[in-house]
Amino acid sequence: MTPDEQRSVLDDLNLSATQNISELWRNASMMDLDSSQFRNVMIQDVPQIIEAYAAGAADLATVWYEDAAPGLLRYWPMPAAPAPTEQLEASTSWALRANGEAALTRIAGFTSRAIFGSARRTIVENAEKEPGAAWARHAQAGSCAFCRMLATRAEVYASKESATVLGVYQRGRGTRGASEKYHDHCRCTAVPVRPGQVYTPPDYAEQWDEQYKEAVRATSGGGRIDVNAVLAKMDELEHGTAATTVSKTAVSVTKAPRPGVAAAAANPVSDKPWHKTAAKFTEDEGRRHGSEIWDSYARGLDNGAVETVRTYTGRGYQVTNPGLRSRTTFGDTEAGSMRAVDAIRGLDTAVENAPRVTMPITVARDVDARVFGIVDAETDLTALVGRQFRDEAHLSTTLQSKLILPIGADQVELRLDVPADTKALYVSSFSRGERGLAAYGPDENELILGRGLDYEIYDAFMEGSDNRRILLARLIAQDATPREVQ
């Protein structure tokens, strides 16, 4: 079984675990529980679900390690010990400091980390115990800069005792400990290199190696390597053409621009960059604008289209968004009352046919800080400036330039400048009591951006008495045609 096939199996395990947790959340939400009782149910049951799937991942990795042996080798691999239950309980408690989608996104993050991590630890621990064995970090195509940096070609890690890096040449990029760092939603795998074997990285990793070397040359000046600067440069090299494709991809999609849209995007009246002229709405202003642009379209959707949008705004996003971000094969997986692939395609169609954003605007949302590599209060936010990020999922935002409600201590507020003619759908124009597109009513002031987004951070700072972490970003590209889902 190839590394990509192994990853696909782990994807299936992870998706199943996430679905079970979403089902637990839904069932607990329908019970007559106060907030404390709800927390207790989740903190008790979420770790049990994760532990079962993580144990399965470890068992599978044991089989993969054994199957990788060239001929008959006298070594019997063992699955890695499970993560402590207390650790998963603490992670669940932390996740529940946020609400709704944010809490479930946090849970999905450490769920994938536990499941993929269980398989990785099994490979690594056995490679460290077996004389002459080694392991390599294998990343999928399209991985983030961090994973690309640690999964370049010719880098194979040997036993704990020798603590060496075996390969064609040495890069001096850090210890084995660095190679074992993984972020939430990380889908990198550890590939066993049994005695007598040579690791052959995928062809696309050669480009990553060149990116790394060029990034080091461009940022270090022959001195100490600044990892954040290297990552930013690798992002620039990977997505170097993205900024030039905004007019082709983000603002010129399959429909002809409406009158005034092209002018708003090009901003011929001002010398300022387009994102500097983005409209800044209060909540009330955003609601009025959203209703003016999208209400007529939303009320004209047929019942089938309405149901696909309501599936997403209900609980469907808990299944579809994590799967899209990890490029999962959904198969017959259900999201609410329909198949996940049907919900995704239906929402794609509803967004595609909707009126486009008519002028540059700023929207906001809260995001788990770890998505951006922010792990504690000491993380330097300014190191993110210039970094580019991609989101494969539909992006739920609030149609206002700043968030009013509190956010979690482990979250950041992302304020995203969106150019004219971006594909989007406002779902909160219906009055309370009407059966609209937002399953839980109009409270969220929600604008859904079509999936396949690239954006760039251009400023980062702390704000307010609560020292809220703020990231300012601009959308630089949106897929003209969404990636097909299966």
Protein backbone atom coordinates (compact mmCIF):
# COMPACT_ATOMS: atom_id res chain seq x y z
CA MET A 1 0.00 0.00 0.00
CA THR A 2 1.44 3.39 -1.03
CA PRO A 3 1.74 6.32 1.42
CA ASP A 4 -1.10 8.10 -0.38
CA GLU A 5 -3.31 5.02 -0.06
CA GLN A 6 -2.45 4.81 3.64
CA ARG A 7 -3.35 8.48 4.04
CA SER A 8 -6.69 7.82 2.36
CA VAL A 9 -7.46 5.09 4.90
CA LEU A 10 -6.58 7.45 7.75
CA ASP A 11 -8.78 10.11 6.14
CA ASP A 12 -11.69 7.68 6.26
CA LEU A 13 -11.02 6.92 9.93
CA ASN A 14 -10.80 10.61 10.73
CA LEU A 15 -14.00 11.45 8.85
CA SER A 16 -15.88 8.68 10.63
CA ALA A 17 -14.63 9.89 14.02
CA THR A 18 -15.63 13.47 13.21
CA GLN A 19 -19.09 12.33 12.16
CA ASN A 20 -19.54 10.39 15.40
CA ILE A 21 -18.50 13.43 17.42
CA SER A 22 -20.90 15.64 15.45
CA GLU A 23 -23.66 13.11 16.13
CA LEU A 24 -22.78 13.17 19.83
CA TRP A 25 -22.96 16.98 19.80
CA ARG A 26 -26.31 16.94 18.00
CA ASN A 27 -27.81 14.37 20.38
CA ALA A 28 -26.52 16.16 23.46
CA SER A 29 -27.90 19.46 22.12
CA MET A 30 -31.38 17.95 21.90
CA MET A 31 -31.27 16.74 25.51
CA ASP A 32 -32.54 18.85 28.39
CA LEU A 33 -29.06 19.76 29.62
CA ASP A 34 -27.68 22.95 31.05
CA SER A 35 -24.30 24.18 29.79
CA SER A 36 -22.38 22.46 32.58
CA GLN A 37 -24.05 19.11 31.93
CA PHE A 38 -23.49 19.46 28.18
CA ARG A 39 -19.77 20.10 28.79
CA ASN A 40 -19.54 17.06 31.03
CA VAL A 41 -21.12 14.82 28.39
CA MET A 42 -18.73 16.05 25.71
CA ILE A 43 -15.63 15.88 27.93
CA GLN A 44 -16.50 12.32 28.92
CA ASP A 45 -17.54 10.93 25.53
CA VAL A 46 -15.36 12.73 22.95
CA PRO A 47 -12.11 11.14 24.23
CA GLN A 48 -13.72 7.69 24.09
CA ILE A 49 -14.62 8.17 20.42
CA ILE A 50 -11.17 9.47 19.54
CA GLU A 51 -9.38 6.71 21.45
CA ALA A 52 -11.21 3.99 19.53
CA TYR A 53 -10.25 5.43 16.14
CA ALA A 54 -6.70 6.29 17.21
CA ALA A 55 -6.22 2.69 18.35
CA GLY A 56 -7.42 1.52 14.95
CA ALA A 57 -4.93 3.85 13.26
CA ALA A 58 -2.10 2.43 15.37
CA ASP A 59 -3.09 -1.13 14.52
CA LEU A 60 -3.18 -0.32 10.81
CA ALA A 61 0.23 1.36 10.99
CA THR A 62 1.61 -1.76 12.67
CA VAL A 63 0.43 -3.81 9.71
CA TRP A 64 1.89 -1.27 7.26
CA TYR A 65 5.23 -1.37 9.05
CA GLU A 66 5.31 -5.16 8.92
CA ASP A 67 4.26 -5.23 5.25
CA ALA A 68 7.11 -2.86 4.36
CA ALA A 69 9.76 -5.46 5.28
CA PRO A 70 11.95 -6.55 2.37
CA GLY A 71 11.82 -10.31 2.78
CA LEU A 72 11.75 -11.92 6.21
CA LEU A 73 13.06 -9.69 8.99
CA ARG A 74 13.08 -10.79 12.60
CA TYR A 75 11.30 -7.82 14.05
CA TRP A 76 7.71 -7.70 15.27
CA PRO A 77 6.27 -4.17 15.31
CA MET A 78 3.95 -3.04 18.08
CA PRO A 79 1.33 -0.28 18.04
CA ALA A 80 2.18 2.93 19.86
CA ALA A 81 0.65 3.55 23.25
CA PRO A 82 -2.50 5.69 23.10
CA ALA A 83 -2.46 9.35 24.05
CA PRO A 84 -3.45 9.85 27.72
CA THR A 85 -7.19 10.16 28.23
CA GLU A 86 -6.52 13.18 30.45
CA GLN A 87 -4.89 14.93 27.50
CA LEU A 88 -7.95 14.41 25.29
CA GLU A 89 -10.24 15.52 28.12
CA ALA A 90 -8.21 18.71 28.54
CA SER A 91 -8.31 19.34 24.78
CA THR A 92 -12.09 18.86 24.73
CA SER A 93 -12.50 21.23 27.66
CA TRP A 94 -10.36 23.79 25.83
CA ALA A 95 -12.42 23.38 22.63
CA LEU A 96 -15.65 24.03 24.50
CA ARG A 97 -14.48 27.50 25.48
CA ALA A 98 -15.60 28.44 21.97
CA ASN A 99 -19.13 28.09 20.63
CA GLY A 100 -20.78 26.30 17.73
CA GLU A 101 -18.63 25.85 14.62
CA ALA A 102 -15.53 27.20 16.36
CA ALA A 103 -15.76 24.55 19.09
CA LEU A 104 -16.34 21.75 16.59
CA THR A 105 -13.49 23.01 14.41
CA ARG A 106 -11.19 22.81 17.42
CA ILE A 107 -12.38 19.29 18.21
CA ALA A 108 -11.93 18.24 14.57
CA GLY A 109 -8.39 19.61 14.70
CA PHE A 110 -7.16 17.59 17.64
CA THR A 111 -9.17 14.56 16.50
CA SER A 112 -7.20 14.40 13.24
CA ARG A 113 -4.01 15.06 15.16
CA ALA A 114 -4.74 12.13 17.50
CA ILE A 115 -5.65 9.71 14.71
CA PHE A 116 -2.85 10.60 12.29
CA GLY A 117 -0.49 11.00 15.24
CA SER A 118 -1.23 7.50 16.49
CA ALA A 119 -0.22 6.06 13.11
CA ARG A 120 2.86 8.29 12.90
CA ARG A 121 4.05 7.38 16.40
CA THR A 122 3.68 3.69 15.61
CA ILE A 123 5.94 4.00 12.58
CA VAL A 124 8.49 6.26 14.30
CA GLU A 125 8.73 4.24 17.51
CA ASN A 126 9.22 0.97 15.67
CA ALA A 127 11.80 2.50 13.33
CA GLU A 128 13.70 3.71 16.39
CA LYS A 129 13.62 0.26 17.98
CA GLU A 130 14.53 -1.83 14.93
CA PRO A 131 18.29 -1.86 14.20
CA GLY A 132 19.03 -0.40 10.78
CA ALA A 133 15.55 1.00 10.24
CA ALA A 134 14.60 4.62 9.59
CA TRP A 135 11.55 6.67 8.68
CA ALA A 136 10.66 9.57 6.41
CA ARG A 137 8.06 12.28 6.62
CA HIS A 138 5.68 12.07 3.65
CA ALA A 139 3.49 15.07 2.80
CA GLN A 140 0.77 15.28 0.20
CA ALA A 141 0.91 17.59 -2.78
CA GLY A 142 -0.41 21.02 -1.90
CA SER A 143 0.73 20.87 1.72
CA CYS A 144 1.42 24.01 3.75
CA ALA A 145 4.91 25.53 3.79
CA PHE A 146 5.67 24.07 7.22
CA CYS A 147 5.00 20.52 6.03
CA ARG A 148 6.79 21.08 2.74
CA MET A 149 9.86 22.30 4.61
CA LEU A 150 10.00 19.18 6.78
CA ALA A 151 9.18 16.68 4.04
CA THR A 152 11.69 17.55 1.34
CA ARG A 153 13.54 14.83 -0.52
CA ALA A 154 16.51 12.83 0.80
CA GLU A 155 15.68 13.49 4.47
CA VAL A 156 15.39 10.19 6.33
CA TYR A 157 15.49 9.95 10.12
CA ALA A 158 17.27 7.06 11.77
CA SER A 159 17.21 5.63 15.29
CA LYS A 160 16.96 7.66 18.47
CA GLU A 161 20.36 6.38 19.48
CA SER A 162 22.18 7.64 16.39
CA ALA A 163 19.94 10.72 16.04
CA THR A 164 21.30 11.21 12.53
CA VAL A 165 19.81 12.36 9.30
CA LEU A 166 20.61 9.95 6.51
CA GLY A 167 20.41 11.12 2.95
CA VAL A 168 22.13 12.42 -0.12
CA TYR A 169 23.23 15.53 1.73
CA GLN A 170 22.70 17.33 5.03
CA ARG A 171 20.77 20.59 5.30
CA GLY A 172 21.33 21.59 8.91
CA ARG A 173 17.62 22.34 9.24
CA GLY A 174 17.15 21.06 12.78
CA THR A 175 16.85 17.95 14.88
CA ARG A 176 14.65 14.93 14.59
CA GLY A 177 12.39 16.69 17.09
CA ALA A 178 11.59 19.37 14.53
CA SER A 179 10.64 16.74 11.99
CA GLU A 180 8.06 15.34 14.39
CA LYS A 181 6.12 18.58 14.78
CA TYR A 182 2.63 18.39 13.33
CA HIS A 183 -0.20 20.91 13.37
CA ASP A 184 -3.90 20.21 13.76
CA HIS A 185 -5.45 18.90 10.51
CA CYS A 186 -1.95 17.84 9.42
CA ARG A 187 -2.14 14.83 7.09
CA CYS A 188 1.57 14.10 6.84
CA THR A 189 2.45 10.46 7.42
CA ALA A 190 5.57 8.67 8.61
CA VAL A 191 6.86 6.15 6.07
CA PRO A 192 8.93 3.20 7.37
CA VAL A 193 12.31 2.58 5.75
CA ARG A 194 13.19 -0.95 6.79
CA PRO A 195 16.78 -2.27 6.82
CA GLY A 196 18.02 -2.59 3.25
CA GLN A 197 15.47 -0.13 1.86
CA VAL A 198 15.95 3.32 0.36
CA TYR A 199 13.22 5.94 0.64
CA THR A 200 12.05 7.39 -2.67
CA PRO A 201 10.17 10.64 -2.14
CA PRO A 202 7.35 11.68 -4.49
CA ASP A 203 8.39 13.63 -7.57
CA TYR A 204 6.69 16.81 -6.39
CA ALA A 205 8.95 16.95 -3.29
CA GLU A 206 11.93 17.88 -5.49
CA GLN A 207 10.29 21.25 -6.17
CA TRP A 208 9.87 21.75 -2.40
CA ASP A 209 13.57 21.12 -1.89
CA GLU A 210 14.43 23.81 -4.42
CA GLN A 211 11.94 26.15 -2.76
CA TYR A 212 13.56 25.58 0.62
CA LYS A 213 17.09 26.23 -0.63
CA GLU A 214 16.01 29.35 -2.52
CA ALA A 215 14.08 30.60 0.53
CA VAL A 216 17.12 30.13 2.78
CA ARG A 217 19.35 31.98 0.33
CA ALA A 218 16.86 34.84 0.06
CA THR A 219 16.25 35.29 3.79
CA SER A 220 19.31 34.26 5.78
CA GLY A 221 22.05 36.33 4.17
CA GLY A 222 24.44 33.53 5.04
CA GLY A 223 23.62 33.86 8.74
CA ARG A 224 21.20 32.14 11.07
CA ILE A 225 18.10 30.67 9.42
CA ASP A 226 14.85 32.45 10.36
CA VAL A 227 12.23 29.70 10.06
CA ASN A 228 9.27 32.11 9.85
CA ALA A 229 10.98 34.07 7.09
CA VAL A 230 11.79 30.85 5.23
CA LEU A 231 8.16 29.69 5.49
CA ALA A 232 6.89 33.03 4.20
CA LYS A 233 9.31 32.89 1.27
CA MET A 234 8.32 29.29 0.48
CA ASP A 235 4.68 30.39 0.43
CA GLU A 236 5.61 33.19 -1.94
CA LEU A 237 7.45 30.78 -4.23
CA GLU A 238 4.61 28.23 -4.11
CA HIS A 239 1.88 30.78 -4.81
CA GLY A 240 3.96 33.36 -6.61
CA THR A 241 1.47 33.75 -9.41
CA ALA A 242 -1.56 33.99 -7.16
CA ALA A 243 -1.44 37.74 -6.70
CA THR A 244 -1.43 38.27 -10.45
CA THR A 245 -4.49 36.08 -10.93
CA VAL A 246 -6.94 38.10 -8.84
CA SER A 247 -8.39 39.84 -11.86
CA LYS A 248 -8.61 36.55 -13.74
CA THR A 249 -9.81 34.28 -10.97
CA ALA A 250 -11.36 36.26 -8.17
CA VAL A 251 -13.06 38.95 -10.21
CA SER A 252 -13.56 37.36 -13.62
CA VAL A 253 -15.37 34.08 -13.23
CA THR A 254 -17.85 32.34 -15.49
CA LYS A 255 -20.33 35.24 -15.50
CA ALA A 256 -19.78 38.61 -17.15
CA PRO A 257 -19.30 41.41 -14.62
CA ARG A 258 -22.37 43.47 -13.81
CA PRO A 259 -22.24 47.19 -14.55
CA GLY A 260 -19.90 48.90 -12.12
CA VAL A 261 -18.32 45.72 -10.80
CA ALA A 262 -15.18 45.82 -12.93
CA ALA A 263 -14.66 49.47 -12.07
CA ALA A 264 -15.03 48.78 -8.37
CA ALA A 265 -12.51 45.98 -8.56
CA ALA A 266 -9.98 47.92 -10.59
CA ASN A 267 -10.54 51.08 -8.50
CA PRO A 268 -9.58 53.54 -11.28
CA VAL A 269 -10.49 56.60 -9.19
CA SER A 270 -7.89 55.99 -6.49
CA ASP A 271 -4.20 55.22 -6.40
CA LYS A 272 -4.73 53.10 -3.28
CA PRO A 273 -4.63 49.28 -3.50
CA TRP A 274 -8.19 47.96 -3.87
CA HIS A 275 -8.28 46.46 -0.37
CA LYS A 276 -7.55 49.87 1.15
CA THR A 277 -10.88 51.11 -0.25
CA ALA A 278 -12.94 48.16 1.05
CA ALA A 279 -16.25 49.18 2.64
CA LYS A 280 -16.30 48.82 6.44
CA PHE A 281 -19.79 47.89 7.63
CA THR A 282 -21.30 47.91 11.10
CA GLU A 283 -23.62 44.98 11.81
CA ASP A 284 -26.73 46.96 10.80
CA GLU A 285 -25.04 48.30 7.67
CA GLY A 286 -23.91 44.80 6.73
CA ARG A 287 -27.42 43.42 7.16
CA ARG A 288 -28.89 46.14 4.94
CA HIS A 289 -26.22 45.62 2.29
CA GLY A 290 -26.61 41.83 2.36
CA SER A 291 -30.38 42.07 1.99
CA GLU A 292 -30.14 44.59 -0.85
CA ILE A 293 -27.80 42.38 -2.88
CA TRP A 294 -28.92 38.82 -2.12
CA ASP A 295 -32.46 38.77 -0.66
CA SER A 296 -34.33 38.66 -3.97
CA TYR A 297 -32.11 35.84 -5.24
CA ALA A 298 -32.41 33.88 -1.98
CA ARG A 299 -36.21 34.07 -2.04
CA GLY A 300 -36.25 32.79 -5.62
CA LEU A 301 -34.36 29.57 -4.90
CA ASP A 302 -36.32 26.35 -5.30
CA ASN A 303 -36.89 24.03 -2.34
CA GLY A 304 -34.02 21.72 -3.30
CA ALA A 305 -31.51 24.57 -3.36
CA VAL A 306 -32.85 25.94 -0.08
CA GLU A 307 -32.38 22.57 1.59
CA THR A 308 -28.75 22.25 0.48
CA VAL A 309 -27.94 25.70 1.90
CA ARG A 310 -29.85 24.97 5.12
CA THR A 311 -27.97 21.69 5.43
CA TYR A 312 -24.70 23.64 5.48
CA THR A 313 -25.89 26.38 7.84
CA GLY A 314 -27.41 23.79 10.16
CA ARG A 315 -24.92 21.11 11.14
CA GLY A 316 -23.74 20.04 7.70
CA TYR A 317 -20.67 22.28 7.77
CA GLN A 318 -19.33 20.13 10.62
CA VAL A 319 -18.96 17.31 8.10
CA THR A 320 -18.32 19.11 4.82
CA ASN A 321 -15.77 21.75 5.85
CA PRO A 322 -13.30 19.46 7.68
CA GLY A 323 -13.56 16.98 4.80
CA LEU A 324 -12.96 19.65 2.15
CA ARG A 325 -9.97 21.03 4.04
CA SER A 326 -8.40 17.59 4.30
CA ARG A 327 -9.45 16.59 0.74
CA THR A 328 -11.37 13.60 2.04
CA THR A 329 -13.23 11.20 -0.24
CA PHE A 330 -16.79 11.48 1.13
CA GLY A 331 -18.43 8.56 -0.67
CA ASP A 332 -21.87 8.02 0.89
CA THR A 333 -21.07 10.01 4.02
CA GLU A 334 -24.12 11.95 5.14
CA ALA A 335 -24.34 15.60 6.15
CA GLY A 336 -27.67 16.11 7.83
CA SER A 337 -30.44 14.62 5.71
CA MET A 338 -28.43 14.26 2.49
CA ARG A 339 -25.12 12.97 1.19
CA ALA A 340 -22.21 15.28 1.92
CA VAL A 341 -21.23 15.44 -1.77
CA ASP A 342 -24.77 16.48 -2.71
CA ALA A 343 -24.79 19.16 -0.01
CA ILE A 344 -21.43 20.50 -1.23
CA ARG A 345 -22.41 20.50 -4.90
CA GLY A 346 -25.78 22.06 -4.12
CA LEU A 347 -24.18 24.88 -2.14
CA ASP A 348 -21.59 25.33 -4.91
CA THR A 349 -24.42 25.82 -7.41
CA ALA A 350 -26.33 28.20 -5.15
CA VAL A 351 -23.22 30.33 -4.65
CA GLU A 352 -22.23 30.17 -8.33
CA ASN A 353 -25.62 31.47 -9.48
CA ALA A 354 -25.91 34.13 -6.77
CA PRO A 355 -25.15 37.83 -7.29
CA ARG A 356 -21.47 38.57 -6.87
CA VAL A 357 -19.98 40.90 -4.29
CA THR A 358 -20.64 44.33 -5.81
CA MET A 359 -17.73 46.30 -4.32
CA PRO A 360 -14.68 45.68 -2.13
CA ILE A 361 -15.85 44.90 1.41
CA THR A 362 -14.31 43.72 4.67
CA VAL A 363 -15.81 40.71 6.44
CA ALA A 364 -14.76 39.08 9.70
CA ARG A 365 -14.68 35.72 11.45
CA ASP A 366 -12.94 34.04 14.36
CA VAL A 367 -10.37 31.35 13.59
CA ASP A 368 -8.43 28.89 15.73
CA ALA A 369 -5.05 30.57 16.26
CA ARG A 370 -3.21 27.32 15.55
CA VAL A 371 -4.34 27.48 11.92
CA PHE A 372 -1.76 30.25 11.58
CA GLY A 373 0.88 28.59 13.75
CA ILE A 374 0.07 30.79 16.77
CA VAL A 375 0.66 28.46 19.71
CA ASP A 376 0.91 30.83 22.69
CA ALA A 377 0.93 34.44 23.79
CA GLU A 378 4.62 34.74 22.92
CA THR A 379 4.14 34.00 19.22
CA ASP A 380 5.23 36.95 17.09
CA LEU A 381 2.16 37.95 15.08
CA THR A 382 4.17 40.16 12.74
CA ALA A 383 5.95 37.07 11.40
CA LEU A 384 2.66 36.23 9.65
CA VAL A 385 2.70 39.39 7.54
CA GLY A 386 3.26 38.43 3.92
CA ARG A 387 2.23 34.79 4.50
CA GLN A 388 -0.40 33.30 2.21
CA PHE A 389 -2.99 30.73 3.25
CA ARG A 390 -5.51 28.61 1.38
CA ASP A 391 -8.94 27.43 2.47
CA GLU A 392 -10.49 24.59 0.46
CA ALA A 393 -13.84 24.86 2.26
CA HIS A 394 -16.78 27.23 2.04
CA LEU A 395 -15.90 30.14 4.30
CA SER A 396 -18.56 31.43 6.67
CA THR A 397 -17.98 35.08 7.55
CA THR A 398 -19.87 37.87 9.28
CA LEU A 399 -20.88 40.73 6.97
CA GLN A 400 -19.31 43.42 9.13
CA SER A 401 -15.75 44.67 9.39
CA LYS A 402 -15.23 43.77 13.06
CA LEU A 403 -16.59 41.14 15.43
CA ILE A 404 -18.60 42.49 18.33
CA LEU A 405 -18.97 39.40 20.49
CA PRO A 406 -16.09 37.95 22.54
CA ILE A 407 -13.90 35.26 20.99
CA GLY A 408 -11.98 32.44 22.65
CA ALA A 409 -8.58 32.99 24.21
CA ASP A 410 -7.13 30.57 21.65
CA GLN A 411 -8.71 32.28 18.66
CA VAL A 412 -7.80 35.20 16.42
CA GLU A 413 -10.08 37.60 14.60
CA LEU A 414 -9.54 37.48 10.85
CA ARG A 415 -10.67 40.60 9.00
CA LEU A 416 -10.70 39.71 5.33
CA ASP A 417 -10.88 42.22 2.49
CA VAL A 418 -12.94 40.74 -0.35
CA PRO A 419 -12.78 42.18 -3.91
CA ALA A 420 -15.76 42.97 -6.09
CA ASP A 421 -17.20 40.06 -8.10
CA THR A 422 -16.20 37.43 -5.54
CA LYS A 423 -18.62 34.49 -5.45
CA ALA A 424 -20.66 34.68 -2.25
CA LEU A 425 -24.14 34.17 -0.79
CA TYR A 426 -25.74 36.10 2.09
CA VAL A 427 -28.05 33.81 4.06
CA SER A 428 -29.36 36.06 6.85
CA SER A 429 -31.85 38.30 5.01
CA PHE A 430 -34.97 36.41 6.12
CA SER A 431 -36.92 37.60 9.15
CA ARG A 432 -37.12 35.53 12.30
CA GLY A 433 -39.85 32.92 11.90
CA GLU A 434 -39.41 32.67 8.12
CA ARG A 435 -37.96 29.49 6.67
CA GLY A 436 -34.84 31.03 5.19
CA LEU A 437 -31.37 29.88 4.20
CA ALA A 438 -29.93 30.15 7.72
CA ALA A 439 -31.12 27.11 9.64
CA TYR A 440 -30.87 28.91 12.98
CA GLY A 441 -32.28 32.25 11.90
CA PRO A 442 -30.77 35.61 10.96
CA ASP A 443 -28.66 36.23 14.08
CA GLU A 444 -25.28 35.39 12.57
CA ASN A 445 -25.34 37.98 9.73
CA GLU A 446 -23.62 35.31 7.63
CA LEU A 447 -21.99 35.72 4.22
CA ILE A 448 -20.71 32.44 2.75
CA LEU A 449 -17.76 32.78 0.38
CA GLY A 450 -17.43 30.20 -2.40
CA ARG A 451 -14.76 27.60 -1.68
CA GLY A 452 -11.19 27.51 -2.93
CA LEU A 453 -9.77 30.73 -1.48
CA ASP A 454 -6.24 32.11 -1.27
CA TYR A 455 -5.58 35.06 1.01
CA GLU A 456 -2.57 36.99 2.26
CA ILE A 457 -1.95 38.50 5.70
CA TYR A 458 -0.89 42.15 5.37
CA ASP A 459 -1.03 43.29 9.02
CA ALA A 460 -1.21 41.74 12.49
CA PHE A 461 -1.62 43.38 15.88
CA MET A 462 -3.29 43.27 19.30
CA GLU A 463 -6.40 45.36 19.93
CA GLY A 464 -8.59 46.38 22.84
CA SER A 465 -8.48 45.83 26.56
CA ASP A 466 -8.63 42.07 26.05
CA ASN A 467 -5.57 42.14 23.75
CA ARG A 468 -7.51 40.46 20.98
CA ARG A 469 -5.23 39.17 18.23
CA ILE A 470 -6.21 40.69 14.88
CA LEU A 471 -5.08 39.54 11.44
CA LEU A 472 -5.82 41.74 8.44
CA ALA A 473 -5.87 39.85 5.15
CA ARG A 474 -6.85 40.35 1.52
CA LEU A 475 -8.39 37.75 -0.74
CA ILE A 476 -6.02 37.24 -3.65
CA ALA A 477 -7.73 34.41 -5.55
CA GLN A 478 -10.88 32.31 -5.65
CA ASP A 479 -11.18 29.13 -7.70
CA ALA A 480 -13.16 29.80 -10.86
CA THR A 481 -14.30 26.16 -10.80
CA PRO A 482 -14.45 24.40 -7.41
CA ARG A 483 -12.46 21.19 -7.05
CA GLU A 484 -14.65 18.16 -7.76
CA VAL A 485 -15.64 16.18 -4.67
CA GLN A 486 -16.26 12.46 -4.49
